[in-house]
Amino acid sequence: MNSSTVHLLDLPDEMLIEIFNKLSTVDVLNSIWGVNQRLDRLARDARFTHSLDLTAEQSCDERCSMSDVILDRLCSH
């Protein structure tokens, strides 16, 4: 039996954007920013960030603004 392995970065940009859109925008930005140039470009893609929620839920169901670290990263580009 022939086995093949597909890595995340083997996927086309369009498919990665679709995957990212199913996940929390803040979590994706936190996870992929700074990994490599391709993921940085995808993180800033309008198809992904078109509905960026700048609030986060706390454990007690409160809403608060995104951390300054994340906002600084986002606004610096």
PDB file of N, CA and C in Angstrom:
ATOM      1  N   MET A   1       0.847  -1.182   0.000  1.00  0.00           N
ATOM      2  CA  MET A   1       0.000   0.000   0.000  1.00  0.00           C
ATOM      3  C   MET A   1       0.892   1.245   0.000  1.00  0.00           C
ATOM      4  N   ASN A   2       0.568   2.179  -0.835  1.00  0.00           N
ATOM      5  CA  ASN A   2       1.330   3.411  -0.960  1.00  0.00           C
ATOM      6  C   ASN A   2       0.694   4.478  -0.075  1.00  0.00           C
ATOM      7  N   SER A   3       1.475   5.055   0.808  1.00  0.00           N
ATOM      8  CA  SER A   3       0.927   6.097   1.678  1.00  0.00           C
ATOM      9  C   SER A   3       1.517   7.445   1.277  1.00  0.00           C
ATOM     10  N   SER A   4       0.709   8.467   1.405  1.00  0.00           N
ATOM     11  CA  SER A   4       1.181   9.816   1.118  1.00  0.00           C
ATOM     12  C   SER A   4       0.753  10.722   2.259  1.00  0.00           C
ATOM     13  N   THR A   5       1.550  11.714   2.484  1.00  0.00           N
ATOM     14  CA  THR A   5       1.287  12.651   3.564  1.00  0.00           C
ATOM     15  C   THR A   5       1.071  14.037   2.971  1.00  0.00           C
ATOM     16  N   VAL A   6       0.026  14.698   3.402  1.00  0.00           N
ATOM     17  CA  VAL A   6      -0.245  16.066   2.981  1.00  0.00           C
ATOM     18  C   VAL A   6      -0.049  16.958   4.199  1.00  0.00           C
ATOM     19  N   HIS A   7       0.763  17.971   4.033  1.00  0.00           N
ATOM     20  CA  HIS A   7       1.016  18.922   5.109  1.00  0.00           C
ATOM     21  C   HIS A   7       0.152  20.166   4.898  1.00  0.00           C
ATOM     22  N   LEU A   8      -0.075  20.890   5.958  1.00  0.00           N
ATOM     23  CA  LEU A   8      -0.907  22.091   5.900  1.00  0.00           C
ATOM     24  C   LEU A   8      -0.442  23.037   4.795  1.00  0.00           C
ATOM     25  N   LEU A   9       0.849  23.247   4.697  1.00  0.00           N
ATOM     26  CA  LEU A   9       1.368  24.200   3.716  1.00  0.00           C
ATOM     27  C   LEU A   9       1.337  23.671   2.288  1.00  0.00           C
ATOM     28  N   ASP A  10       0.971  22.407   2.111  1.00  0.00           N
ATOM     29  CA  ASP A  10       0.789  21.856   0.763  1.00  0.00           C
ATOM     30  C   ASP A  10      -0.548  22.285   0.158  1.00  0.00           C
ATOM     31  N   LEU A  11      -1.471  22.735   0.996  1.00  0.00           N
ATOM     32  CA  LEU A  11      -2.807  23.113   0.528  1.00  0.00           C
ATOM     33  C   LEU A  11      -2.760  24.463  -0.187  1.00  0.00           C
ATOM     34  N   PRO A  12      -3.634  24.667  -1.174  1.00  0.00           N
ATOM     35  CA  PRO A  12      -3.685  25.964  -1.862  1.00  0.00           C
ATOM     36  C   PRO A  12      -4.225  27.057  -0.929  1.00  0.00           C
ATOM     37  N   ASP A  13      -3.879  28.299  -1.234  1.00  0.00           N
ATOM     38  CA  ASP A  13      -4.301  29.438  -0.412  1.00  0.00           C
ATOM     39  C   ASP A  13      -5.810  29.468  -0.202  1.00  0.00           C
ATOM     40  N   GLU A  14      -6.566  29.207  -1.242  1.00  0.00           N
ATOM     41  CA  GLU A  14      -8.028  29.267  -1.152  1.00  0.00           C
ATOM     42  C   GLU A  14      -8.559  28.270  -0.120  1.00  0.00           C
ATOM     43  N   MET A  15      -7.964  27.096  -0.074  1.00  0.00           N
ATOM     44  CA  MET A  15      -8.410  26.094   0.884  1.00  0.00           C
ATOM     45  C   MET A  15      -8.020  26.486   2.314  1.00  0.00           C
ATOM     46  N   LEU A  16      -6.837  27.054   2.470  1.00  0.00           N
ATOM     47  CA  LEU A  16      -6.417  27.510   3.797  1.00  0.00           C
ATOM     48  C   LEU A  16      -7.336  28.620   4.304  1.00  0.00           C
ATOM     49  N   ILE A  17      -7.705  29.556   3.427  1.00  0.00           N
ATOM     50  CA  ILE A  17      -8.628  30.631   3.814  1.00  0.00           C
ATOM     51  C   ILE A  17      -9.956  30.038   4.263  1.00  0.00           C
ATOM     52  N   GLU A  18     -10.470  29.057   3.555  1.00  0.00           N
ATOM     53  CA  GLU A  18     -11.732  28.406   3.943  1.00  0.00           C
ATOM     54  C   GLU A  18     -11.609  27.748   5.315  1.00  0.00           C
ATOM     55  N   ILE A  19     -10.498  27.095   5.562  1.00  0.00           N
ATOM     56  CA  ILE A  19     -10.270  26.473   6.876  1.00  0.00           C
ATOM     57  C   ILE A  19     -10.201  27.548   7.947  1.00  0.00           C
ATOM     58  N   PHE A  20      -9.430  28.607   7.697  1.00  0.00           N
ATOM     59  CA  PHE A  20      -9.295  29.692   8.673  1.00  0.00           C
ATOM     60  C   PHE A  20     -10.644  30.327   8.987  1.00  0.00           C
ATOM     61  N   ASN A  21     -11.512  30.455   7.997  1.00  0.00           N
ATOM     62  CA  ASN A  21     -12.824  31.068   8.203  1.00  0.00           C
ATOM     63  C   ASN A  21     -13.729  30.234   9.102  1.00  0.00           C
ATOM     64  N   LYS A  22     -13.435  28.975   9.278  1.00  0.00           N
ATOM     65  CA  LYS A  22     -14.222  28.106  10.163  1.00  0.00           C
ATOM     66  C   LYS A  22     -13.754  28.200  11.615  1.00  0.00           C
ATOM     67  N   LEU A  23     -12.624  28.848  11.834  1.00  0.00           N
ATOM     68  CA  LEU A  23     -12.016  28.929  13.161  1.00  0.00           C
ATOM     69  C   LEU A  23     -12.119  30.346  13.713  1.00  0.00           C
ATOM     70  N   SER A  24     -11.806  30.500  14.965  1.00  0.00           N
ATOM     71  CA  SER A  24     -11.778  31.818  15.594  1.00  0.00           C
ATOM     72  C   SER A  24     -10.681  32.663  14.952  1.00  0.00           C
ATOM     73  N   THR A  25     -11.041  33.838  14.461  1.00  0.00           N
ATOM     74  CA  THR A  25     -10.086  34.716  13.798  1.00  0.00           C
ATOM     75  C   THR A  25      -8.907  35.048  14.700  1.00  0.00           C
ATOM     76  N   VAL A  26      -9.188  35.378  15.943  1.00  0.00           N
ATOM     77  CA  VAL A  26      -8.127  35.736  16.884  1.00  0.00           C
ATOM     78  C   VAL A  26      -7.191  34.555  17.111  1.00  0.00           C
ATOM     79  N   ASP A  27      -7.735  33.369  17.277  1.00  0.00           N
ATOM     80  CA  ASP A  27      -6.901  32.185  17.490  1.00  0.00           C
ATOM     81  C   ASP A  27      -6.026  31.897  16.275  1.00  0.00           C
ATOM     82  N   VAL A  28      -6.598  32.041  15.091  1.00  0.00           N
ATOM     83  CA  VAL A  28      -5.820  31.801  13.873  1.00  0.00           C
ATOM     84  C   VAL A  28      -4.703  32.832  13.764  1.00  0.00           C
ATOM     85  N   LEU A  29      -5.023  34.106  13.971  1.00  0.00           N
ATOM     86  CA  LEU A  29      -3.997  35.144  13.891  1.00  0.00           C
ATOM     87  C   LEU A  29      -2.888  34.890  14.893  1.00  0.00           C
ATOM     88  N   ASN A  30      -3.259  34.531  16.099  1.00  0.00           N
ATOM     89  CA  ASN A  30      -2.272  34.240  17.137  1.00  0.00           C
ATOM     90  C   ASN A  30      -1.401  33.052  16.766  1.00  0.00           C
ATOM     91  N   SER A  31      -1.966  32.091  16.072  1.00  0.00           N
ATOM     92  CA  SER A  31      -1.253  30.854  15.763  1.00  0.00           C
ATOM     93  C   SER A  31      -0.359  30.943  14.533  1.00  0.00           C
ATOM     94  N   ILE A  32      -0.780  31.673  13.506  1.00  0.00           N
ATOM     95  CA  ILE A  32      -0.027  31.632  12.249  1.00  0.00           C
ATOM     96  C   ILE A  32       0.855  32.843  11.998  1.00  0.00           C
ATOM     97  N   TRP A  33       0.593  33.945  12.707  1.00  0.00           N
ATOM     98  CA  TRP A  33       1.377  35.148  12.461  1.00  0.00           C
ATOM     99  C   TRP A  33       2.821  34.919  12.872  1.00  0.00           C
ATOM    100  N   GLY A  34       3.741  35.198  11.979  1.00  0.00           N
ATOM    101  CA  GLY A  34       5.159  35.066  12.279  1.00  0.00           C
ATOM    102  C   GLY A  34       5.744  33.705  11.942  1.00  0.00           C
ATOM    103  N   VAL A  35       4.912  32.777  11.454  1.00  0.00           N
ATOM    104  CA  VAL A  35       5.418  31.448  11.100  1.00  0.00           C
ATOM    105  C   VAL A  35       6.231  31.523   9.812  1.00  0.00           C
ATOM    106  N   ASN A  36       5.655  32.109   8.778  1.00  0.00           N
ATOM    107  CA  ASN A  36       6.374  32.327   7.520  1.00  0.00           C
ATOM    108  C   ASN A  36       5.637  33.401   6.719  1.00  0.00           C
ATOM    109  N   GLN A  37       6.251  33.848   5.635  1.00  0.00           N
ATOM    110  CA  GLN A  37       5.679  34.951   4.852  1.00  0.00           C
ATOM    111  C   GLN A  37       4.336  34.589   4.237  1.00  0.00           C
ATOM    112  N   ARG A  38       4.192  33.370   3.800  1.00  0.00           N
ATOM    113  CA  ARG A  38       2.927  32.959   3.173  1.00  0.00           C
ATOM    114  C   ARG A  38       1.780  33.040   4.169  1.00  0.00           C
ATOM    115  N   LEU A  39       1.974  32.510   5.374  1.00  0.00           N
ATOM    116  CA  LEU A  39       0.902  32.551   6.373  1.00  0.00           C
ATOM    117  C   LEU A  39       0.641  33.976   6.845  1.00  0.00           C
ATOM    118  N   ASP A  40       1.680  34.795   6.931  1.00  0.00           N
ATOM    119  CA  ASP A  40       1.478  36.209   7.277  1.00  0.00           C
ATOM    120  C   ASP A  40       0.599  36.889   6.228  1.00  0.00           C
ATOM    121  N   ARG A  41       0.870  36.623   4.951  1.00  0.00           N
ATOM    122  CA  ARG A  41       0.077  37.208   3.866  1.00  0.00           C
ATOM    123  C   ARG A  41      -1.371  36.726   3.947  1.00  0.00           C
ATOM    124  N   LEU A  42      -1.562  35.441   4.202  1.00  0.00           N
ATOM    125  CA  LEU A  42      -2.921  34.901   4.313  1.00  0.00           C
ATOM    126  C   LEU A  42      -3.648  35.484   5.524  1.00  0.00           C
ATOM    127  N   ALA A  43      -2.927  35.726   6.607  1.00  0.00           N
ATOM    128  CA  ALA A  43      -3.547  36.287   7.809  1.00  0.00           C
ATOM    129  C   ALA A  43      -4.078  37.695   7.558  1.00  0.00           C
ATOM    130  N   ARG A  44      -3.478  38.408   6.618  1.00  0.00           N
ATOM    131  CA  ARG A  44      -3.921  39.769   6.291  1.00  0.00           C
ATOM    132  C   ARG A  44      -4.885  39.802   5.113  1.00  0.00           C
ATOM    133  N   ASP A  45      -5.188  38.660   4.546  1.00  0.00           N
ATOM    134  CA  ASP A  45      -6.068  38.575   3.379  1.00  0.00           C
ATOM    135  C   ASP A  45      -7.481  39.028   3.750  1.00  0.00           C
ATOM    136  N   ALA A  46      -8.068  39.882   2.932  1.00  0.00           N
ATOM    137  CA  ALA A  46      -9.408  40.423   3.205  1.00  0.00           C
ATOM    138  C   ALA A  46     -10.475  39.337   3.252  1.00  0.00           C
ATOM    139  N   ARG A  47     -10.266  38.233   2.542  1.00  0.00           N
ATOM    140  CA  ARG A  47     -11.246  37.133   2.586  1.00  0.00           C
ATOM    141  C   ARG A  47     -11.296  36.494   3.970  1.00  0.00           C
ATOM    142  N   PHE A  48     -10.230  36.644   4.723  1.00  0.00           N
ATOM    143  CA  PHE A  48     -10.175  36.073   6.070  1.00  0.00           C
ATOM    144  C   PHE A  48     -10.523  37.109   7.135  1.00  0.00           C
ATOM    145  N   THR A  49     -10.024  38.312   7.007  1.00  0.00           N
ATOM    146  CA  THR A  49     -10.205  39.327   8.051  1.00  0.00           C
ATOM    147  C   THR A  49     -11.402  40.234   7.814  1.00  0.00           C
ATOM    148  N   HIS A  50     -12.261  39.919   6.850  1.00  0.00           N
ATOM    149  CA  HIS A  50     -13.400  40.787   6.537  1.00  0.00           C
ATOM    150  C   HIS A  50     -14.376  40.929   7.707  1.00  0.00           C
ATOM    151  N   SER A  51     -14.408  39.990   8.599  1.00  0.00           N
ATOM    152  CA  SER A  51     -15.327  40.079   9.744  1.00  0.00           C
ATOM    153  C   SER A  51     -14.574  39.848  11.046  1.00  0.00           C
ATOM    154  N   LEU A  52     -13.543  40.627  11.250  1.00  0.00           N
ATOM    155  CA  LEU A  52     -12.698  40.488  12.429  1.00  0.00           C
ATOM    156  C   LEU A  52     -13.421  40.991  13.668  1.00  0.00           C
ATOM    157  N   ASP A  53     -13.585  40.114  14.651  1.00  0.00           N
ATOM    158  CA  ASP A  53     -14.218  40.448  15.923  1.00  0.00           C
ATOM    159  C   ASP A  53     -13.118  40.850  16.898  1.00  0.00           C
ATOM    160  N   LEU A  54     -13.132  42.103  17.331  1.00  0.00           N
ATOM    161  CA  LEU A  54     -12.082  42.602  18.209  1.00  0.00           C
ATOM    162  C   LEU A  54     -12.405  42.427  19.684  1.00  0.00           C
ATOM    163  N   THR A  55     -13.307  41.523  19.987  1.00  0.00           N
ATOM    164  CA  THR A  55     -13.601  41.197  21.378  1.00  0.00           C
ATOM    165  C   THR A  55     -13.339  39.719  21.606  1.00  0.00           C
ATOM    166  N   ALA A  56     -13.212  39.359  22.862  1.00  0.00           N
ATOM    167  CA  ALA A  56     -12.988  37.953  23.215  1.00  0.00           C
ATOM    168  C   ALA A  56     -13.868  37.607  24.403  1.00  0.00           C
ATOM    169  N   GLU A  57     -14.278  36.357  24.473  1.00  0.00           N
ATOM    170  CA  GLU A  57     -15.093  35.920  25.599  1.00  0.00           C
ATOM    171  C   GLU A  57     -14.203  35.436  26.727  1.00  0.00           C
ATOM    172  N   GLN A  58     -14.555  35.833  27.927  1.00  0.00           N
ATOM    173  CA  GLN A  58     -13.854  35.361  29.112  1.00  0.00           C
ATOM    174  C   GLN A  58     -14.541  34.105  29.616  1.00  0.00           C
ATOM    175  N   SER A  59     -13.925  33.438  30.555  1.00  0.00           N
ATOM    176  CA  SER A  59     -14.477  32.177  31.061  1.00  0.00           C
ATOM    177  C   SER A  59     -15.835  32.359  31.734  1.00  0.00           C
ATOM    178  N   CYS A  60     -16.125  33.537  32.231  1.00  0.00           N
ATOM    179  CA  CYS A  60     -17.401  33.766  32.915  1.00  0.00           C
ATOM    180  C   CYS A  60     -18.422  34.431  31.986  1.00  0.00           C
ATOM    181  N   ASP A  61     -18.312  34.174  30.681  1.00  0.00           N
ATOM    182  CA  ASP A  61     -19.239  34.686  29.665  1.00  0.00           C
ATOM    183  C   ASP A  61     -19.236  36.207  29.524  1.00  0.00           C
ATOM    184  N   GLU A  62     -18.184  36.860  29.964  1.00  0.00           N
ATOM    185  CA  GLU A  62     -18.053  38.297  29.756  1.00  0.00           C
ATOM    186  C   GLU A  62     -17.366  38.527  28.418  1.00  0.00           C
ATOM    187  N   ARG A  63     -17.546  39.722  27.872  1.00  0.00           N
ATOM    188  CA  ARG A  63     -16.842  40.085  26.646  1.00  0.00           C
ATOM    189  C   ARG A  63     -15.874  41.205  26.995  1.00  0.00           C
ATOM    190  N   CYS A  64     -14.696  41.128  26.445  1.00  0.00           N
ATOM    191  CA  CYS A  64     -13.715  42.183  26.674  1.00  0.00           C
ATOM    192  C   CYS A  64     -12.943  42.413  25.384  1.00  0.00           C
ATOM    193  N   SER A  65     -12.201  43.505  25.325  1.00  0.00           N
ATOM    194  CA  SER A  65     -11.463  43.800  24.096  1.00  0.00           C
ATOM    195  C   SER A  65     -10.258  42.876  23.962  1.00  0.00           C
ATOM    196  N   MET A  66      -9.823  42.713  22.732  1.00  0.00           N
ATOM    197  CA  MET A  66      -8.684  41.865  22.430  1.00  0.00           C
ATOM    198  C   MET A  66      -7.441  42.420  23.124  1.00  0.00           C
ATOM    199  N   SER A  67      -6.515  41.567  23.458  1.00  0.00           N
ATOM    200  CA  SER A  67      -5.314  42.009  24.163  1.00  0.00           C
ATOM    201  C   SER A  67      -4.532  43.014  23.323  1.00  0.00           C
ATOM    202  N   ASP A  68      -3.827  43.909  24.000  1.00  0.00           N
ATOM    203  CA  ASP A  68      -3.037  44.934  23.322  1.00  0.00           C
ATOM    204  C   ASP A  68      -1.967  44.319  22.425  1.00  0.00           C
ATOM    205  N   VAL A  69      -1.413  43.189  22.825  1.00  0.00           N
ATOM    206  CA  VAL A  69      -0.376  42.535  22.029  1.00  0.00           C
ATOM    207  C   VAL A  69      -0.924  42.143  20.662  1.00  0.00           C
ATOM    208  N   ILE A  70      -2.109  41.551  20.646  1.00  0.00           N
ATOM    209  CA  ILE A  70      -2.715  41.131  19.386  1.00  0.00           C
ATOM    210  C   ILE A  70      -3.084  42.349  18.548  1.00  0.00           C
ATOM    211  N   LEU A  71      -3.656  43.361  19.174  1.00  0.00           N
ATOM    212  CA  LEU A  71      -4.025  44.572  18.432  1.00  0.00           C
ATOM    213  C   LEU A  71      -2.799  45.250  17.834  1.00  0.00           C
ATOM    214  N   ASP A  72      -1.702  45.309  18.589  1.00  0.00           N
ATOM    215  CA  ASP A  72      -0.477  45.917  18.076  1.00  0.00           C
ATOM    216  C   ASP A  72       0.039  45.169  16.853  1.00  0.00           C
ATOM    217  N   ARG A  73       0.006  43.833  16.902  1.00  0.00           N
ATOM    218  CA  ARG A  73       0.449  43.032  15.759  1.00  0.00           C
ATOM    219  C   ARG A  73      -0.426  43.305  14.543  1.00  0.00           C
ATOM    220  N   LEU A  74      -1.724  43.367  14.768  1.00  0.00           N
ATOM    221  CA  LEU A  74      -2.670  43.562  13.682  1.00  0.00           C
ATOM    222  C   LEU A  74      -2.523  44.946  13.062  1.00  0.00           C
ATOM    223  N   CYS A  75      -2.381  45.956  13.894  1.00  0.00           N
ATOM    224  CA  CYS A  75      -2.337  47.335  13.409  1.00  0.00           C
ATOM    225  C   CYS A  75      -0.979  47.727  12.837  1.00  0.00           C
ATOM    226  N   SER A  76       0.059  46.964  13.124  1.00  0.00           N
ATOM    227  CA  SER A  76       1.391  47.322  12.634  1.00  0.00           C
ATOM    228  C   SER A  76       1.582  46.966  11.167  1.00  0.00           C
ATOM    229  N   HIS A  77       0.623  46.269  10.562  1.00  0.00           N
ATOM    230  CA  HIS A  77       0.772  45.850   9.159  1.00  0.00           C
ATOM    231  C   HIS A  77      -0.144  46.655   8.286  1.00  0.00           C
TER     232      HIS A  77
END
